Amino acid sequence: MIEDITHRGEPVEYEVFFRLRRAGASALRLVIESAYVRDTSKARAGIPRNRRSIVRFRVMAAKILGGEPIRDPNLSHF
């Protein structure tokens, strides 16, 4: 989620979907796939329901730079 301010000074939140790839030994490339204004009148569909499904950007970046996989916390293990 990214927060912004409209031209009227009102806060607005965006759902942002992106890909993060390694672009060198110590560089990353972030590609924004899409971004949508969050509809606050609906259930917050894009927000994880619990903190276990949140991956912090800093952790994600470190894992990608280190060549480690990022597991999906929402997938059940068999």
PDB file of N, CA and C in Angstrom:
ATOM      1  N   MET A   1       0.840  -1.166   0.000  1.00  0.00           N
ATOM      2  CA  MET A   1       0.000   0.000   0.000  1.00  0.00           C
ATOM      3  C   MET A   1       0.895   1.243   0.000  1.00  0.00           C
ATOM      4  N   ILE A   2       0.467   2.230  -0.748  1.00  0.00           N
ATOM      5  CA  ILE A   2       1.146   3.525  -0.794  1.00  0.00           C
ATOM      6  C   ILE A   2       0.117   4.597  -0.483  1.00  0.00           C
ATOM      7  N   GLU A   3       0.501   5.530   0.352  1.00  0.00           N
ATOM      8  CA  GLU A   3      -0.385   6.641   0.680  1.00  0.00           C
ATOM      9  C   GLU A   3       0.036   7.869  -0.103  1.00  0.00           C
ATOM     10  N   ASP A   4      -0.940   8.653  -0.520  1.00  0.00           N
ATOM     11  CA  ASP A   4      -0.687   9.870  -1.274  1.00  0.00           C
ATOM     12  C   ASP A   4      -1.688  10.923  -0.818  1.00  0.00           C
ATOM     13  N   ILE A   5      -1.546  12.114  -1.303  1.00  0.00           N
ATOM     14  CA  ILE A   5      -2.472  13.217  -1.010  1.00  0.00           C
ATOM     15  C   ILE A   5      -3.029  13.715  -2.339  1.00  0.00           C
ATOM     16  N   THR A   6      -4.357  13.877  -2.418  1.00  0.00           N
ATOM     17  CA  THR A   6      -4.973  14.388  -3.645  1.00  0.00           C
ATOM     18  C   THR A   6      -4.709  15.880  -3.772  1.00  0.00           C
ATOM     19  N   HIS A   7      -5.077  16.449  -4.909  1.00  0.00           N
ATOM     20  CA  HIS A   7      -4.900  17.884  -5.119  1.00  0.00           C
ATOM     21  C   HIS A   7      -5.767  18.701  -4.159  1.00  0.00           C
ATOM     22  N   ARG A   8      -6.755  18.070  -3.544  1.00  0.00           N
ATOM     23  CA  ARG A   8      -7.607  18.741  -2.552  1.00  0.00           C
ATOM     24  C   ARG A   8      -7.066  18.590  -1.134  1.00  0.00           C
ATOM     25  N   GLY A   9      -5.935  17.891  -0.997  1.00  0.00           N
ATOM     26  CA  GLY A   9      -5.332  17.689   0.315  1.00  0.00           C
ATOM     27  C   GLY A   9      -5.895  16.499   1.078  1.00  0.00           C
ATOM     28  N   GLU A  10      -6.688  15.659   0.397  1.00  0.00           N
ATOM     29  CA  GLU A  10      -7.281  14.488   1.040  1.00  0.00           C
ATOM     30  C   GLU A  10      -6.350  13.284   0.885  1.00  0.00           C
ATOM     31  N   PRO A  11      -6.215  12.481   1.935  1.00  0.00           N
ATOM     32  CA  PRO A  11      -5.366  11.291   1.813  1.00  0.00           C
ATOM     33  C   PRO A  11      -6.037  10.231   0.935  1.00  0.00           C
ATOM     34  N   VAL A  12      -5.245   9.511   0.177  1.00  0.00           N
ATOM     35  CA  VAL A  12      -5.736   8.422  -0.667  1.00  0.00           C
ATOM     36  C   VAL A  12      -4.724   7.277  -0.580  1.00  0.00           C
ATOM     37  N   GLU A  13      -5.235   6.043  -0.561  1.00  0.00           N
ATOM     38  CA  GLU A  13      -4.372   4.872  -0.488  1.00  0.00           C
ATOM     39  C   GLU A  13      -4.443   4.098  -1.801  1.00  0.00           C
ATOM     40  N   TYR A  14      -3.309   3.562  -2.216  1.00  0.00           N
ATOM     41  CA  TYR A  14      -3.222   2.763  -3.435  1.00  0.00           C
ATOM     42  C   TYR A  14      -2.772   1.349  -3.087  1.00  0.00           C
ATOM     43  N   GLU A  15      -3.371   0.373  -3.751  1.00  0.00           N
ATOM     44  CA  GLU A  15      -2.875  -0.999  -3.738  1.00  0.00           C
ATOM     45  C   GLU A  15      -1.875  -1.069  -4.877  1.00  0.00           C
ATOM     46  N   VAL A  16      -0.659  -1.489  -4.595  1.00  0.00           N
ATOM     47  CA  VAL A  16       0.383  -1.532  -5.613  1.00  0.00           C
ATOM     48  C   VAL A  16       0.875  -2.969  -5.752  1.00  0.00           C
ATOM     49  N   PHE A  17       0.901  -3.453  -6.980  1.00  0.00           N
ATOM     50  CA  PHE A  17       1.362  -4.806  -7.279  1.00  0.00           C
ATOM     51  C   PHE A  17       2.626  -4.683  -8.118  1.00  0.00           C
ATOM     52  N   PHE A  18       3.679  -5.379  -7.690  1.00  0.00           N
ATOM     53  CA  PHE A  18       4.979  -5.202  -8.338  1.00  0.00           C
ATOM     54  C   PHE A  18       5.761  -6.503  -8.381  1.00  0.00           C
ATOM     55  N   ARG A  19       6.806  -6.488  -9.215  1.00  0.00           N
ATOM     56  CA  ARG A  19       7.795  -7.562  -9.277  1.00  0.00           C
ATOM     57  C   ARG A  19       9.114  -6.983  -8.825  1.00  0.00           C
ATOM     58  N   LEU A  20       9.862  -7.755  -8.081  1.00  0.00           N
ATOM     59  CA  LEU A  20      11.173  -7.334  -7.610  1.00  0.00           C
ATOM     60  C   LEU A  20      12.169  -8.390  -8.058  1.00  0.00           C
ATOM     61  N   ARG A  21      13.173  -7.957  -8.817  1.00  0.00           N
ATOM     62  CA  ARG A  21      14.171  -8.871  -9.372  1.00  0.00           C
ATOM     63  C   ARG A  21      15.572  -8.354  -9.057  1.00  0.00           C
ATOM     64  N   ARG A  22      16.492  -9.280  -9.067  1.00  0.00           N
ATOM     65  CA  ARG A  22      17.895  -8.938  -8.895  1.00  0.00           C
ATOM     66  C   ARG A  22      18.404  -8.331 -10.197  1.00  0.00           C
ATOM     67  N   ALA A  23      19.139  -7.225 -10.103  1.00  0.00           N
ATOM     68  CA  ALA A  23      19.662  -6.552 -11.294  1.00  0.00           C
ATOM     69  C   ALA A  23      21.176  -6.409 -11.231  1.00  0.00           C
ATOM     70  N   GLY A  24      21.818  -7.224 -10.433  1.00  0.00           N
ATOM     71  CA  GLY A  24      23.262  -7.171 -10.260  1.00  0.00           C
ATOM     72  C   GLY A  24      23.603  -7.689  -8.873  1.00  0.00           C
ATOM     73  N   ALA A  25      24.888  -7.632  -8.542  1.00  0.00           N
ATOM     74  CA  ALA A  25      25.331  -8.162  -7.252  1.00  0.00           C
ATOM     75  C   ALA A  25      24.721  -7.412  -6.067  1.00  0.00           C
ATOM     76  N   SER A  26      24.508  -6.124  -6.229  1.00  0.00           N
ATOM     77  CA  SER A  26      23.960  -5.343  -5.114  1.00  0.00           C
ATOM     78  C   SER A  26      22.874  -4.380  -5.577  1.00  0.00           C
ATOM     79  N   ALA A  27      22.131  -4.784  -6.613  1.00  0.00           N
ATOM     80  CA  ALA A  27      21.076  -3.911  -7.139  1.00  0.00           C
ATOM     81  C   ALA A  27      19.804  -4.711  -7.388  1.00  0.00           C
ATOM     82  N   LEU A  28      18.682  -4.028  -7.229  1.00  0.00           N
ATOM     83  CA  LEU A  28      17.379  -4.628  -7.489  1.00  0.00           C
ATOM     84  C   LEU A  28      16.644  -3.810  -8.539  1.00  0.00           C
ATOM     85  N   ARG A  29      15.737  -4.462  -9.250  1.00  0.00           N
ATOM     86  CA  ARG A  29      14.872  -3.773 -10.207  1.00  0.00           C
ATOM     87  C   ARG A  29      13.435  -3.993  -9.752  1.00  0.00           C
ATOM     88  N   LEU A  30      12.719  -2.914  -9.522  1.00  0.00           N
ATOM     89  CA  LEU A  30      11.323  -2.977  -9.120  1.00  0.00           C
ATOM     90  C   LEU A  30      10.476  -2.539 -10.298  1.00  0.00           C
ATOM     91  N   VAL A  31       9.542  -3.398 -10.707  1.00  0.00           N
ATOM     92  CA  VAL A  31       8.657  -3.097 -11.830  1.00  0.00           C
ATOM     93  C   VAL A  31       7.229  -3.057 -11.284  1.00  0.00           C
ATOM     94  N   ILE A  32       6.590  -1.903 -11.400  1.00  0.00           N
ATOM     95  CA  ILE A  32       5.205  -1.770 -10.978  1.00  0.00           C
ATOM     96  C   ILE A  32       4.325  -2.423 -12.034  1.00  0.00           C
ATOM     97  N   GLU A  33       3.558  -3.418 -11.640  1.00  0.00           N
ATOM     98  CA  GLU A  33       2.645  -4.097 -12.559  1.00  0.00           C
ATOM     99  C   GLU A  33       1.329  -3.338 -12.672  1.00  0.00           C
ATOM    100  N   SER A  34       0.803  -2.889 -11.542  1.00  0.00           N
ATOM    101  CA  SER A  34      -0.439  -2.124 -11.536  1.00  0.00           C
ATOM    102  C   SER A  34      -0.607  -1.438 -10.190  1.00  0.00           C
ATOM    103  N   ALA A  35      -1.452  -0.417 -10.178  1.00  0.00           N
ATOM    104  CA  ALA A  35      -1.768   0.306  -8.946  1.00  0.00           C
ATOM    105  C   ALA A  35      -3.204   0.806  -9.049  1.00  0.00           C
ATOM    106  N   TYR A  36      -3.942   0.619  -7.967  1.00  0.00           N
ATOM    107  CA  TYR A  36      -5.346   0.998  -7.942  1.00  0.00           C
ATOM    108  C   TYR A  36      -5.647   1.777  -6.669  1.00  0.00           C
ATOM    109  N   VAL A  37      -6.509   2.765  -6.785  1.00  0.00           N
ATOM    110  CA  VAL A  37      -6.967   3.480  -5.586  1.00  0.00           C
ATOM    111  C   VAL A  37      -7.782   2.490  -4.771  1.00  0.00           C
ATOM    112  N   ARG A  38      -7.453   2.390  -3.493  1.00  0.00           N
ATOM    113  CA  ARG A  38      -8.172   1.480  -2.609  1.00  0.00           C
ATOM    114  C   ARG A  38      -9.574   2.014  -2.357  1.00  0.00           C
ATOM    115  N   ASP A  39     -10.562   1.151  -2.516  1.00  0.00           N
ATOM    116  CA  ASP A  39     -11.955   1.513  -2.272  1.00  0.00           C
ATOM    117  C   ASP A  39     -12.243   1.278  -0.789  1.00  0.00           C
ATOM    118  N   THR A  40     -12.288   2.329  -0.009  1.00  0.00           N
ATOM    119  CA  THR A  40     -12.472   2.196   1.433  1.00  0.00           C
ATOM    120  C   THR A  40     -13.896   1.816   1.818  1.00  0.00           C
ATOM    121  N   SER A  41     -14.836   1.879   0.858  1.00  0.00           N
ATOM    122  CA  SER A  41     -16.214   1.489   1.170  1.00  0.00           C
ATOM    123  C   SER A  41     -16.378  -0.024   1.182  1.00  0.00           C
ATOM    124  N   LYS A  42     -15.427  -0.752   0.588  1.00  0.00           N
ATOM    125  CA  LYS A  42     -15.481  -2.211   0.543  1.00  0.00           C
ATOM    126  C   LYS A  42     -14.530  -2.791   1.583  1.00  0.00           C
ATOM    127  N   ALA A  43     -14.665  -4.080   1.788  1.00  0.00           N
ATOM    128  CA  ALA A  43     -13.708  -4.761   2.657  1.00  0.00           C
ATOM    129  C   ALA A  43     -12.320  -4.578   2.061  1.00  0.00           C
ATOM    130  N   ARG A  44     -11.344  -4.495   2.881  1.00  0.00           N
ATOM    131  CA  ARG A  44      -9.984  -4.241   2.433  1.00  0.00           C
ATOM    132  C   ARG A  44      -9.386  -5.504   1.814  1.00  0.00           C
ATOM    133  N   ALA A  45      -9.852  -5.830   0.625  1.00  0.00           N
ATOM    134  CA  ALA A  45      -9.507  -7.096  -0.027  1.00  0.00           C
ATOM    135  C   ALA A  45      -8.015  -7.287  -0.256  1.00  0.00           C
ATOM    136  N   GLY A  46      -7.287  -6.229  -0.535  1.00  0.00           N
ATOM    137  CA  GLY A  46      -5.867  -6.372  -0.840  1.00  0.00           C
ATOM    138  C   GLY A  46      -4.978  -6.471   0.373  1.00  0.00           C
ATOM    139  N   ILE A  47      -5.531  -6.347   1.557  1.00  0.00           N
ATOM    140  CA  ILE A  47      -4.730  -6.356   2.774  1.00  0.00           C
ATOM    141  C   ILE A  47      -4.734  -7.743   3.393  1.00  0.00           C
ATOM    142  N   PRO A  48      -3.572  -8.259   3.755  1.00  0.00           N
ATOM    143  CA  PRO A  48      -3.538  -9.570   4.406  1.00  0.00           C
ATOM    144  C   PRO A  48      -4.386  -9.567   5.679  1.00  0.00           C
ATOM    145  N   ARG A  49      -5.040 -10.670   5.932  1.00  0.00           N
ATOM    146  CA  ARG A  49      -5.924 -10.769   7.098  1.00  0.00           C
ATOM    147  C   ARG A  49      -5.148 -10.916   8.402  1.00  0.00           C
ATOM    148  N   ASN A  50      -3.956 -11.432   8.333  1.00  0.00           N
ATOM    149  CA  ASN A  50      -3.155 -11.535   9.551  1.00  0.00           C
ATOM    150  C   ASN A  50      -1.711 -11.185   9.240  1.00  0.00           C
ATOM    151  N   ARG A  51      -0.951 -10.922  10.264  1.00  0.00           N
ATOM    152  CA  ARG A  51       0.426 -10.456  10.080  1.00  0.00           C
ATOM    153  C   ARG A  51       1.343 -11.550   9.532  1.00  0.00           C
ATOM    154  N   ARG A  52       0.949 -12.827   9.639  1.00  0.00           N
ATOM    155  CA  ARG A  52       1.790 -13.893   9.114  1.00  0.00           C
ATOM    156  C   ARG A  52       1.917 -13.826   7.603  1.00  0.00           C
ATOM    157  N   SER A  53       0.952 -13.246   6.931  1.00  0.00           N
ATOM    158  CA  SER A  53       0.999 -13.195   5.471  1.00  0.00           C
ATOM    159  C   SER A  53       1.679 -11.932   4.945  1.00  0.00           C
ATOM    160  N   ILE A  54       2.193 -11.092   5.823  1.00  0.00           N
ATOM    161  CA  ILE A  54       2.881  -9.875   5.410  1.00  0.00           C
ATOM    162  C   ILE A  54       4.376 -10.172   5.241  1.00  0.00           C
ATOM    163  N   VAL A  55       4.930  -9.778   4.111  1.00  0.00           N
ATOM    164  CA  VAL A  55       6.376  -9.850   3.908  1.00  0.00           C
ATOM    165  C   VAL A  55       6.869  -8.419   3.828  1.00  0.00           C
ATOM    166  N   ARG A  56       7.705  -8.038   4.748  1.00  0.00           N
ATOM    167  CA  ARG A  56       8.249  -6.680   4.751  1.00  0.00           C
ATOM    168  C   ARG A  56       9.157  -6.486   3.538  1.00  0.00           C
ATOM    169  N   PHE A  57       9.108  -5.299   2.953  1.00  0.00           N
ATOM    170  CA  PHE A  57       9.894  -5.019   1.757  1.00  0.00           C
ATOM    171  C   PHE A  57      11.383  -5.244   2.029  1.00  0.00           C
ATOM    172  N   ARG A  58      11.845  -4.809   3.181  1.00  0.00           N
ATOM    173  CA  ARG A  58      13.265  -4.951   3.522  1.00  0.00           C
ATOM    174  C   ARG A  58      13.688  -6.426   3.528  1.00  0.00           C
ATOM    175  N   VAL A  59      12.831  -7.298   4.067  1.00  0.00           N
ATOM    176  CA  VAL A  59      13.109  -8.733   4.106  1.00  0.00           C
ATOM    177  C   VAL A  59      13.087  -9.304   2.692  1.00  0.00           C
ATOM    178  N   MET A  60      12.071  -8.914   1.915  1.00  0.00           N
ATOM    179  CA  MET A  60      11.961  -9.387   0.537  1.00  0.00           C
ATOM    180  C   MET A  60      13.201  -8.989  -0.266  1.00  0.00           C
ATOM    181  N   ALA A  61      13.626  -7.757  -0.144  1.00  0.00           N
ATOM    182  CA  ALA A  61      14.801  -7.271  -0.879  1.00  0.00           C
ATOM    183  C   ALA A  61      16.053  -8.042  -0.480  1.00  0.00           C
ATOM    184  N   ALA A  62      16.243  -8.260   0.811  1.00  0.00           N
ATOM    185  CA  ALA A  62      17.428  -8.989   1.274  1.00  0.00           C
ATOM    186  C   ALA A  62      17.432 -10.421   0.753  1.00  0.00           C
ATOM    187  N   LYS A  63      16.273 -11.072   0.762  1.00  0.00           N
ATOM    188  CA  LYS A  63      16.198 -12.450   0.274  1.00  0.00           C
ATOM    189  C   LYS A  63      16.482 -12.518  -1.230  1.00  0.00           C
ATOM    190  N   ILE A  64      15.943 -11.607  -1.996  1.00  0.00           N
ATOM    191  CA  ILE A  64      16.173 -11.618  -3.438  1.00  0.00           C
ATOM    192  C   ILE A  64      17.641 -11.341  -3.745  1.00  0.00           C
ATOM    193  N   LEU A  65      18.242 -10.388  -3.053  1.00  0.00           N
ATOM    194  CA  LEU A  65      19.666 -10.118  -3.253  1.00  0.00           C
ATOM    195  C   LEU A  65      20.522 -11.322  -2.870  1.00  0.00           C
ATOM    196  N   GLY A  66      20.093 -12.042  -1.834  1.00  0.00           N
ATOM    197  CA  GLY A  66      20.842 -13.215  -1.387  1.00  0.00           C
ATOM    198  C   GLY A  66      20.532 -14.483  -2.164  1.00  0.00           C
ATOM    199  N   GLY A  67      19.618 -14.404  -3.146  1.00  0.00           N
ATOM    200  CA  GLY A  67      19.264 -15.566  -3.947  1.00  0.00           C
ATOM    201  C   GLY A  67      18.374 -16.561  -3.218  1.00  0.00           C
ATOM    202  N   GLU A  68      17.754 -16.132  -2.125  1.00  0.00           N
ATOM    203  CA  GLU A  68      16.876 -17.018  -1.354  1.00  0.00           C
ATOM    204  C   GLU A  68      15.450 -16.965  -1.899  1.00  0.00           C
ATOM    205  N   PRO A  69      14.733 -18.074  -1.820  1.00  0.00           N
ATOM    206  CA  PRO A  69      13.328 -18.053  -2.252  1.00  0.00           C
ATOM    207  C   PRO A  69      12.459 -17.328  -1.232  1.00  0.00           C
ATOM    208  N   ILE A  70      11.366 -16.787  -1.714  1.00  0.00           N
ATOM    209  CA  ILE A  70      10.381 -16.168  -0.829  1.00  0.00           C
ATOM    210  C   ILE A  70       9.161 -17.057  -0.881  1.00  0.00           C
ATOM    211  N   ARG A  71       8.842 -17.680   0.241  1.00  0.00           N
ATOM    212  CA  ARG A  71       7.694 -18.591   0.255  1.00  0.00           C
ATOM    213  C   ARG A  71       6.413 -17.806   0.457  1.00  0.00           C
ATOM    214  N   ASP A  72       5.336 -18.335  -0.065  1.00  0.00           N
ATOM    215  CA  ASP A  72       4.024 -17.726   0.097  1.00  0.00           C
ATOM    216  C   ASP A  72       3.443 -18.208   1.416  1.00  0.00           C
ATOM    217  N   PRO A  73       3.292 -17.322   2.412  1.00  0.00           N
ATOM    218  CA  PRO A  73       2.785 -17.755   3.720  1.00  0.00           C
ATOM    219  C   PRO A  73       1.328 -18.201   3.685  1.00  0.00           C
ATOM    220  N   ASN A  74       0.620 -17.932   2.590  1.00  0.00           N
ATOM    221  CA  ASN A  74      -0.779 -18.331   2.492  1.00  0.00           C
ATOM    222  C   ASN A  74      -0.951 -19.752   1.965  1.00  0.00           C
ATOM    223  N   LEU A  75       0.109 -20.338   1.430  1.00  0.00           N
ATOM    224  CA  LEU A  75       0.013 -21.709   0.918  1.00  0.00           C
ATOM    225  C   LEU A  75       0.100 -22.691   2.084  1.00  0.00           C
ATOM    226  N   SER A  76      -0.746 -23.684   2.064  1.00  0.00           N
ATOM    227  CA  SER A  76      -0.691 -24.700   3.124  1.00  0.00           C
ATOM    228  C   SER A  76       0.364 -25.733   2.754  1.00  0.00           C
ATOM    229  N   HIS A  77       0.976 -26.293   3.759  1.00  0.00           N
ATOM    230  CA  HIS A  77       2.004 -27.314   3.538  1.00  0.00           C
ATOM    231  C   HIS A  77       1.351 -28.680   3.631  1.00  0.00           C
ATOM    232  N   PHE A  78       1.711 -29.577   2.729  1.00  0.00           N
ATOM    233  CA  PHE A  78       1.112 -30.910   2.692  1.00  0.00           C
ATOM    234  C   PHE A  78       1.920 -31.864   3.512  1.00  0.00           C
TER     235      PHE A  78
END
